[in-house]
Amino acid sequence: MGIVIPDTPENMQLCICETCPTFNGSPLTGGFFCSMGKAKEPVKKAGCVCSKCQITAKFSLKGGLWCVRGKSADL
């Protein structure tokens, strides 16, 4: 199993999903996909900012596009 990202207010404040071109190019809602899981809405891939997110560094995450792939704990 992958790395569990705790669903805390502190971690949620680090989330940059809403700045992502994929987020903005799709009818996505929510965010914090690395912790909460993949999007329920259809996703049109248009780039990824996961590698620039402080959560990626804090938890040494590999990969990205959590909105498509699912939460890091499941991968």
PDB file of N, CA and C in Angstrom:
ATOM      1  N   MET A   1       0.830  -1.194   0.000  1.00  0.00           N
ATOM      2  CA  MET A   1       0.000   0.000   0.000  1.00  0.00           C
ATOM      3  C   MET A   1       0.867   1.247   0.000  1.00  0.00           C
ATOM      4  N   GLY A   2       0.276   2.332  -0.389  1.00  0.00           N
ATOM      5  CA  GLY A   2       0.983   3.604  -0.497  1.00  0.00           C
ATOM      6  C   GLY A   2       1.035   4.366   0.806  1.00  0.00           C
ATOM      7  N   ILE A   3       1.224   5.641   0.690  1.00  0.00           N
ATOM      8  CA  ILE A   3       1.382   6.527   1.837  1.00  0.00           C
ATOM      9  C   ILE A   3       0.043   7.167   2.182  1.00  0.00           C
ATOM     10  N   VAL A   4      -0.318   7.096   3.454  1.00  0.00           N
ATOM     11  CA  VAL A   4      -1.552   7.714   3.924  1.00  0.00           C
ATOM     12  C   VAL A   4      -1.300   9.199   4.168  1.00  0.00           C
ATOM     13  N   ILE A   5      -2.113  10.034   3.551  1.00  0.00           N
ATOM     14  CA  ILE A   5      -2.051  11.475   3.760  1.00  0.00           C
ATOM     15  C   ILE A   5      -3.176  11.823   4.727  1.00  0.00           C
ATOM     16  N   PRO A   6      -2.843  12.204   5.961  1.00  0.00           N
ATOM     17  CA  PRO A   6      -3.892  12.517   6.925  1.00  0.00           C
ATOM     18  C   PRO A   6      -4.778  13.671   6.466  1.00  0.00           C
ATOM     19  N   ASP A   7      -6.075  13.495   6.634  1.00  0.00           N
ATOM     20  CA  ASP A   7      -7.064  14.511   6.278  1.00  0.00           C
ATOM     21  C   ASP A   7      -7.155  15.496   7.442  1.00  0.00           C
ATOM     22  N   THR A   8      -6.216  16.443   7.459  1.00  0.00           N
ATOM     23  CA  THR A   8      -6.175  17.441   8.526  1.00  0.00           C
ATOM     24  C   THR A   8      -6.323  18.832   7.915  1.00  0.00           C
ATOM     25  N   PRO A   9      -6.782  19.788   8.706  1.00  0.00           N
ATOM     26  CA  PRO A   9      -6.865  21.162   8.182  1.00  0.00           C
ATOM     27  C   PRO A   9      -5.502  21.685   7.713  1.00  0.00           C
ATOM     28  N   GLU A  10      -4.444  21.319   8.420  1.00  0.00           N
ATOM     29  CA  GLU A  10      -3.108  21.775   8.047  1.00  0.00           C
ATOM     30  C   GLU A  10      -2.714  21.245   6.665  1.00  0.00           C
ATOM     31  N   ASN A  11      -2.951  19.962   6.412  1.00  0.00           N
ATOM     32  CA  ASN A  11      -2.631  19.389   5.101  1.00  0.00           C
ATOM     33  C   ASN A  11      -3.541  19.945   4.022  1.00  0.00           C
ATOM     34  N   MET A  12      -4.799  20.122   4.330  1.00  0.00           N
ATOM     35  CA  MET A  12      -5.743  20.663   3.350  1.00  0.00           C
ATOM     36  C   MET A  12      -5.324  22.065   2.911  1.00  0.00           C
ATOM     37  N   GLN A  13      -4.754  22.855   3.827  1.00  0.00           N
ATOM     38  CA  GLN A  13      -4.311  24.200   3.475  1.00  0.00           C
ATOM     39  C   GLN A  13      -3.129  24.175   2.507  1.00  0.00           C
ATOM     40  N   LEU A  14      -2.368  23.083   2.489  1.00  0.00           N
ATOM     41  CA  LEU A  14      -1.240  22.957   1.570  1.00  0.00           C
ATOM     42  C   LEU A  14      -1.683  22.562   0.159  1.00  0.00           C
ATOM     43  N   CYS A  15      -2.900  22.061   0.035  1.00  0.00           N
ATOM     44  CA  CYS A  15      -3.421  21.551  -1.232  1.00  0.00           C
ATOM     45  C   CYS A  15      -3.463  22.648  -2.301  1.00  0.00           C
ATOM     46  N   ILE A  16      -2.943  22.309  -3.493  1.00  0.00           N
ATOM     47  CA  ILE A  16      -2.966  23.264  -4.609  1.00  0.00           C
ATOM     48  C   ILE A  16      -3.790  22.739  -5.796  1.00  0.00           C
ATOM     49  N   CYS A  17      -4.635  21.752  -5.553  1.00  0.00           N
ATOM     50  CA  CYS A  17      -5.432  21.160  -6.633  1.00  0.00           C
ATOM     51  C   CYS A  17      -6.180  22.217  -7.456  1.00  0.00           C
ATOM     52  N   GLU A  18      -6.714  23.217  -6.798  1.00  0.00           N
ATOM     53  CA  GLU A  18      -7.513  24.216  -7.511  1.00  0.00           C
ATOM     54  C   GLU A  18      -6.690  25.071  -8.471  1.00  0.00           C
ATOM     55  N   THR A  19      -5.358  25.000  -8.416  1.00  0.00           N
ATOM     56  CA  THR A  19      -4.508  25.752  -9.338  1.00  0.00           C
ATOM     57  C   THR A  19      -4.106  24.906 -10.547  1.00  0.00           C
ATOM     58  N   CYS A  20      -4.510  23.664 -10.578  1.00  0.00           N
ATOM     59  CA  CYS A  20      -4.085  22.712 -11.605  1.00  0.00           C
ATOM     60  C   CYS A  20      -4.862  22.902 -12.910  1.00  0.00           C
ATOM     61  N   PRO A  21      -4.178  22.819 -14.058  1.00  0.00           N
ATOM     62  CA  PRO A  21      -4.889  22.927 -15.339  1.00  0.00           C
ATOM     63  C   PRO A  21      -5.898  21.800 -15.549  1.00  0.00           C
ATOM     64  N   THR A  22      -5.623  20.623 -15.017  1.00  0.00           N
ATOM     65  CA  THR A  22      -6.595  19.530 -15.126  1.00  0.00           C
ATOM     66  C   THR A  22      -7.837  19.846 -14.300  1.00  0.00           C
ATOM     67  N   PHE A  23      -7.645  20.361 -13.096  1.00  0.00           N
ATOM     68  CA  PHE A  23      -8.776  20.739 -12.237  1.00  0.00           C
ATOM     69  C   PHE A  23      -9.613  21.803 -12.924  1.00  0.00           C
ATOM     70  N   ASN A  24      -8.948  22.812 -13.461  1.00  0.00           N
ATOM     71  CA  ASN A  24      -9.659  23.929 -14.087  1.00  0.00           C
ATOM     72  C   ASN A  24     -10.246  23.567 -15.441  1.00  0.00           C
ATOM     73  N   GLY A  25      -9.743  22.504 -16.085  1.00  0.00           N
ATOM     74  CA  GLY A  25     -10.247  22.108 -17.388  1.00  0.00           C
ATOM     75  C   GLY A  25     -11.322  21.034 -17.325  1.00  0.00           C
ATOM     76  N   SER A  26     -11.672  20.631 -16.117  1.00  0.00           N
ATOM     77  CA  SER A  26     -12.679  19.582 -15.924  1.00  0.00           C
ATOM     78  C   SER A  26     -13.725  20.076 -14.935  1.00  0.00           C
ATOM     79  N   PRO A  27     -14.854  19.399 -14.868  1.00  0.00           N
ATOM     80  CA  PRO A  27     -15.890  19.819 -13.919  1.00  0.00           C
ATOM     81  C   PRO A  27     -15.611  19.284 -12.504  1.00  0.00           C
ATOM     82  N   LEU A  28     -14.369  19.389 -12.056  1.00  0.00           N
ATOM     83  CA  LEU A  28     -13.996  18.831 -10.764  1.00  0.00           C
ATOM     84  C   LEU A  28     -14.455  19.709  -9.612  1.00  0.00           C
ATOM     85  N   THR A  29     -14.777  19.064  -8.519  1.00  0.00           N
ATOM     86  CA  THR A  29     -15.086  19.754  -7.274  1.00  0.00           C
ATOM     87  C   THR A  29     -14.223  19.128  -6.185  1.00  0.00           C
ATOM     88  N   GLY A  30     -14.063  19.840  -5.123  1.00  0.00           N
ATOM     89  CA  GLY A  30     -13.271  19.315  -4.019  1.00  0.00           C
ATOM     90  C   GLY A  30     -11.805  19.587  -4.228  1.00  0.00           C
ATOM     91  N   GLY A  31     -11.013  18.590  -4.062  1.00  0.00           N
ATOM     92  CA  GLY A  31      -9.569  18.694  -4.133  1.00  0.00           C
ATOM     93  C   GLY A  31      -8.974  17.731  -3.137  1.00  0.00           C
ATOM     94  N   PHE A  32      -7.714  17.912  -2.783  1.00  0.00           N
ATOM     95  CA  PHE A  32      -7.027  17.079  -1.811  1.00  0.00           C
ATOM     96  C   PHE A  32      -7.142  15.609  -2.203  1.00  0.00           C
ATOM     97  N   PHE A  33      -7.031  15.373  -3.535  1.00  0.00           N
ATOM     98  CA  PHE A  33      -7.243  14.042  -4.098  1.00  0.00           C
ATOM     99  C   PHE A  33      -6.229  13.014  -3.612  1.00  0.00           C
ATOM    100  N   CYS A  34      -5.002  13.450  -3.274  1.00  0.00           N
ATOM    101  CA  CYS A  34      -3.994  12.501  -2.789  1.00  0.00           C
ATOM    102  C   CYS A  34      -4.432  11.859  -1.477  1.00  0.00           C
ATOM    103  N   SER A  35      -5.282  12.541  -0.725  1.00  0.00           N
ATOM    104  CA  SER A  35      -5.803  12.012   0.534  1.00  0.00           C
ATOM    105  C   SER A  35      -7.207  11.437   0.384  1.00  0.00           C
ATOM    106  N   MET A  36      -8.055  12.126  -0.383  1.00  0.00           N
ATOM    107  CA  MET A  36      -9.474  11.779  -0.445  1.00  0.00           C
ATOM    108  C   MET A  36      -9.836  10.767  -1.534  1.00  0.00           C
ATOM    109  N   GLY A  37      -8.984  10.631  -2.541  1.00  0.00           N
ATOM    110  CA  GLY A  37      -9.276   9.684  -3.618  1.00  0.00           C
ATOM    111  C   GLY A  37      -9.624  10.379  -4.913  1.00  0.00           C
ATOM    112  N   LYS A  38      -9.735   9.567  -5.968  1.00  0.00           N
ATOM    113  CA  LYS A  38      -9.947  10.138  -7.291  1.00  0.00           C
ATOM    114  C   LYS A  38     -11.300  10.825  -7.401  1.00  0.00           C
ATOM    115  N   ALA A  39     -11.376  11.694  -8.382  1.00  0.00           N
ATOM    116  CA  ALA A  39     -12.571  12.494  -8.604  1.00  0.00           C
ATOM    117  C   ALA A  39     -13.748  11.623  -9.023  1.00  0.00           C
ATOM    118  N   LYS A  40     -14.920  12.039  -8.611  1.00  0.00           N
ATOM    119  CA  LYS A  40     -16.150  11.354  -9.022  1.00  0.00           C
ATOM    120  C   LYS A  40     -16.588  11.820 -10.404  1.00  0.00           C
ATOM    121  N   GLU A  41     -16.162  13.035 -10.770  1.00  0.00           N
ATOM    122  CA  GLU A  41     -16.515  13.617 -12.054  1.00  0.00           C
ATOM    123  C   GLU A  41     -15.542  13.155 -13.131  1.00  0.00           C
ATOM    124  N   PRO A  42     -15.940  13.244 -14.403  1.00  0.00           N
ATOM    125  CA  PRO A  42     -15.013  12.929 -15.492  1.00  0.00           C
ATOM    126  C   PRO A  42     -13.834  13.898 -15.487  1.00  0.00           C
ATOM    127  N   VAL A  43     -12.657  13.392 -15.780  1.00  0.00           N
ATOM    128  CA  VAL A  43     -11.447  14.209 -15.759  1.00  0.00           C
ATOM    129  C   VAL A  43     -10.846  14.283 -17.159  1.00  0.00           C
ATOM    130  N   LYS A  44     -10.601  15.497 -17.607  1.00  0.00           N
ATOM    131  CA  LYS A  44      -9.903  15.729 -18.872  1.00  0.00           C
ATOM    132  C   LYS A  44      -8.484  16.166 -18.508  1.00  0.00           C
ATOM    133  N   LYS A  45      -7.507  15.299 -18.720  1.00  0.00           N
ATOM    134  CA  LYS A  45      -6.123  15.606 -18.348  1.00  0.00           C
ATOM    135  C   LYS A  45      -5.601  16.785 -19.162  1.00  0.00           C
ATOM    136  N   ALA A  46      -5.084  17.783 -18.439  1.00  0.00           N
ATOM    137  CA  ALA A  46      -4.559  18.979 -19.099  1.00  0.00           C
ATOM    138  C   ALA A  46      -3.287  19.471 -18.419  1.00  0.00           C
ATOM    139  N   GLY A  47      -2.610  18.585 -17.748  1.00  0.00           N
ATOM    140  CA  GLY A  47      -1.407  18.959 -17.017  1.00  0.00           C
ATOM    141  C   GLY A  47      -1.564  18.577 -15.555  1.00  0.00           C
ATOM    142  N   CYS A  48      -0.484  18.738 -14.797  1.00  0.00           N
ATOM    143  CA  CYS A  48      -0.507  18.320 -13.394  1.00  0.00           C
ATOM    144  C   CYS A  48       0.454  19.198 -12.596  1.00  0.00           C
ATOM    145  N   VAL A  49       0.018  19.653 -11.438  1.00  0.00           N
ATOM    146  CA  VAL A  49       0.869  20.440 -10.547  1.00  0.00           C
ATOM    147  C   VAL A  49       1.217  19.684  -9.270  1.00  0.00           C
ATOM    148  N   CYS A  50       0.878  18.408  -9.218  1.00  0.00           N
ATOM    149  CA  CYS A  50       1.133  17.623  -8.000  1.00  0.00           C
ATOM    150  C   CYS A  50       2.596  17.700  -7.563  1.00  0.00           C
ATOM    151  N   SER A  51       3.519  17.699  -8.504  1.00  0.00           N
ATOM    152  CA  SER A  51       4.945  17.730  -8.154  1.00  0.00           C
ATOM    153  C   SER A  51       5.348  19.042  -7.487  1.00  0.00           C
ATOM    154  N   LYS A  52       4.542  20.088  -7.643  1.00  0.00           N
ATOM    155  CA  LYS A  52       4.835  21.390  -7.042  1.00  0.00           C
ATOM    156  C   LYS A  52       4.153  21.569  -5.683  1.00  0.00           C
ATOM    157  N   CYS A  53       3.326  20.620  -5.304  1.00  0.00           N
ATOM    158  CA  CYS A  53       2.555  20.720  -4.065  1.00  0.00           C
ATOM    159  C   CYS A  53       3.435  20.404  -2.855  1.00  0.00           C
ATOM    160  N   GLN A  54       3.270  21.167  -1.797  1.00  0.00           N
ATOM    161  CA  GLN A  54       4.032  20.935  -0.574  1.00  0.00           C
ATOM    162  C   GLN A  54       3.718  19.574   0.050  1.00  0.00           C
ATOM    163  N   ILE A  55       2.540  19.040  -0.202  1.00  0.00           N
ATOM    164  CA  ILE A  55       2.179  17.713   0.318  1.00  0.00           C
ATOM    165  C   ILE A  55       3.069  16.650  -0.324  1.00  0.00           C
ATOM    166  N   THR A  56       3.370  16.805  -1.615  1.00  0.00           N
ATOM    167  CA  THR A  56       4.258  15.864  -2.308  1.00  0.00           C
ATOM    168  C   THR A  56       5.611  15.799  -1.608  1.00  0.00           C
ATOM    169  N   ALA A  57       6.164  16.943  -1.274  1.00  0.00           N
ATOM    170  CA  ALA A  57       7.460  16.981  -0.591  1.00  0.00           C
ATOM    171  C   ALA A  57       7.337  16.478   0.845  1.00  0.00           C
ATOM    172  N   LYS A  58       6.324  16.916   1.548  1.00  0.00           N
ATOM    173  CA  LYS A  58       6.143  16.558   2.957  1.00  0.00           C
ATOM    174  C   LYS A  58       6.046  15.053   3.165  1.00  0.00           C
ATOM    175  N   PHE A  59       5.375  14.359   2.226  1.00  0.00           N
ATOM    176  CA  PHE A  59       5.149  12.916   2.370  1.00  0.00           C
ATOM    177  C   PHE A  59       5.947  12.091   1.363  1.00  0.00           C
ATOM    178  N   SER A  60       6.861  12.736   0.639  1.00  0.00           N
ATOM    179  CA  SER A  60       7.717  12.050  -0.349  1.00  0.00           C
ATOM    180  C   SER A  60       6.895  11.228  -1.343  1.00  0.00           C
ATOM    181  N   LEU A  61       5.841  11.844  -1.876  1.00  0.00           N
ATOM    182  CA  LEU A  61       4.968  11.153  -2.823  1.00  0.00           C
ATOM    183  C   LEU A  61       5.646  11.010  -4.176  1.00  0.00           C
ATOM    184  N   LYS A  62       5.358   9.939  -4.841  1.00  0.00           N
ATOM    185  CA  LYS A  62       5.844   9.686  -6.196  1.00  0.00           C
ATOM    186  C   LYS A  62       4.631   9.695  -7.116  1.00  0.00           C
ATOM    187  N   GLY A  63       4.779  10.292  -8.271  1.00  0.00           N
ATOM    188  CA  GLY A  63       3.678  10.335  -9.229  1.00  0.00           C
ATOM    189  C   GLY A  63       2.819  11.563  -9.022  1.00  0.00           C
ATOM    190  N   GLY A  64       1.629  11.499  -9.513  1.00  0.00           N
ATOM    191  CA  GLY A  64       0.695  12.616  -9.428  1.00  0.00           C
ATOM    192  C   GLY A  64      -0.609  12.230 -10.077  1.00  0.00           C
ATOM    193  N   LEU A  65      -1.333  13.210 -10.521  1.00  0.00           N
ATOM    194  CA  LEU A  65      -2.679  13.010 -11.085  1.00  0.00           C
ATOM    195  C   LEU A  65      -3.543  12.169 -10.151  1.00  0.00           C
ATOM    196  N   TRP A  66      -3.516  12.534  -8.867  1.00  0.00           N
ATOM    197  CA  TRP A  66      -4.303  11.792  -7.876  1.00  0.00           C
ATOM    198  C   TRP A  66      -5.792  11.881  -8.189  1.00  0.00           C
ATOM    199  N   CYS A  67      -6.218  12.934  -8.882  1.00  0.00           N
ATOM    200  CA  CYS A  67      -7.627  13.079  -9.249  1.00  0.00           C
ATOM    201  C   CYS A  67      -8.060  11.978 -10.210  1.00  0.00           C
ATOM    202  N   VAL A  68      -7.107  11.405 -10.932  1.00  0.00           N
ATOM    203  CA  VAL A  68      -7.372  10.313 -11.883  1.00  0.00           C
ATOM    204  C   VAL A  68      -7.019   8.954 -11.280  1.00  0.00           C
ATOM    205  N   ARG A  69      -5.876   8.889 -10.606  1.00  0.00           N
ATOM    206  CA  ARG A  69      -5.348   7.619 -10.118  1.00  0.00           C
ATOM    207  C   ARG A  69      -5.926   7.157  -8.795  1.00  0.00           C
ATOM    208  N   GLY A  70      -6.326   8.085  -7.939  1.00  0.00           N
ATOM    209  CA  GLY A  70      -6.834   7.736  -6.633  1.00  0.00           C
ATOM    210  C   GLY A  70      -5.874   8.158  -5.535  1.00  0.00           C
ATOM    211  N   LYS A  71      -6.284   7.978  -4.291  1.00  0.00           N
ATOM    212  CA  LYS A  71      -5.454   8.448  -3.175  1.00  0.00           C
ATOM    213  C   LYS A  71      -4.180   7.637  -3.051  1.00  0.00           C
ATOM    214  N   SER A  72      -3.159   8.300  -2.556  1.00  0.00           N
ATOM    215  CA  SER A  72      -1.834   7.688  -2.499  1.00  0.00           C
ATOM    216  C   SER A  72      -1.807   6.454  -1.609  1.00  0.00           C
ATOM    217  N   ALA A  73      -2.664   6.371  -0.613  1.00  0.00           N
ATOM    218  CA  ALA A  73      -2.699   5.206   0.278  1.00  0.00           C
ATOM    219  C   ALA A  73      -3.078   3.934  -0.466  1.00  0.00           C
ATOM    220  N   ASP A  74      -3.827   4.064  -1.557  1.00  0.00           N
ATOM    221  CA  ASP A  74      -4.314   2.896  -2.301  1.00  0.00           C
ATOM    222  C   ASP A  74      -3.361   2.436  -3.405  1.00  0.00           C
ATOM    223  N   LEU A  75      -2.315   3.220  -3.677  1.00  0.00           N
ATOM    224  CA  LEU A  75      -1.429   2.899  -4.796  1.00  0.00           C
ATOM    225  C   LEU A  75      -0.109   2.333  -4.331  1.00  0.00           C
TER     226      LEU A  75
END
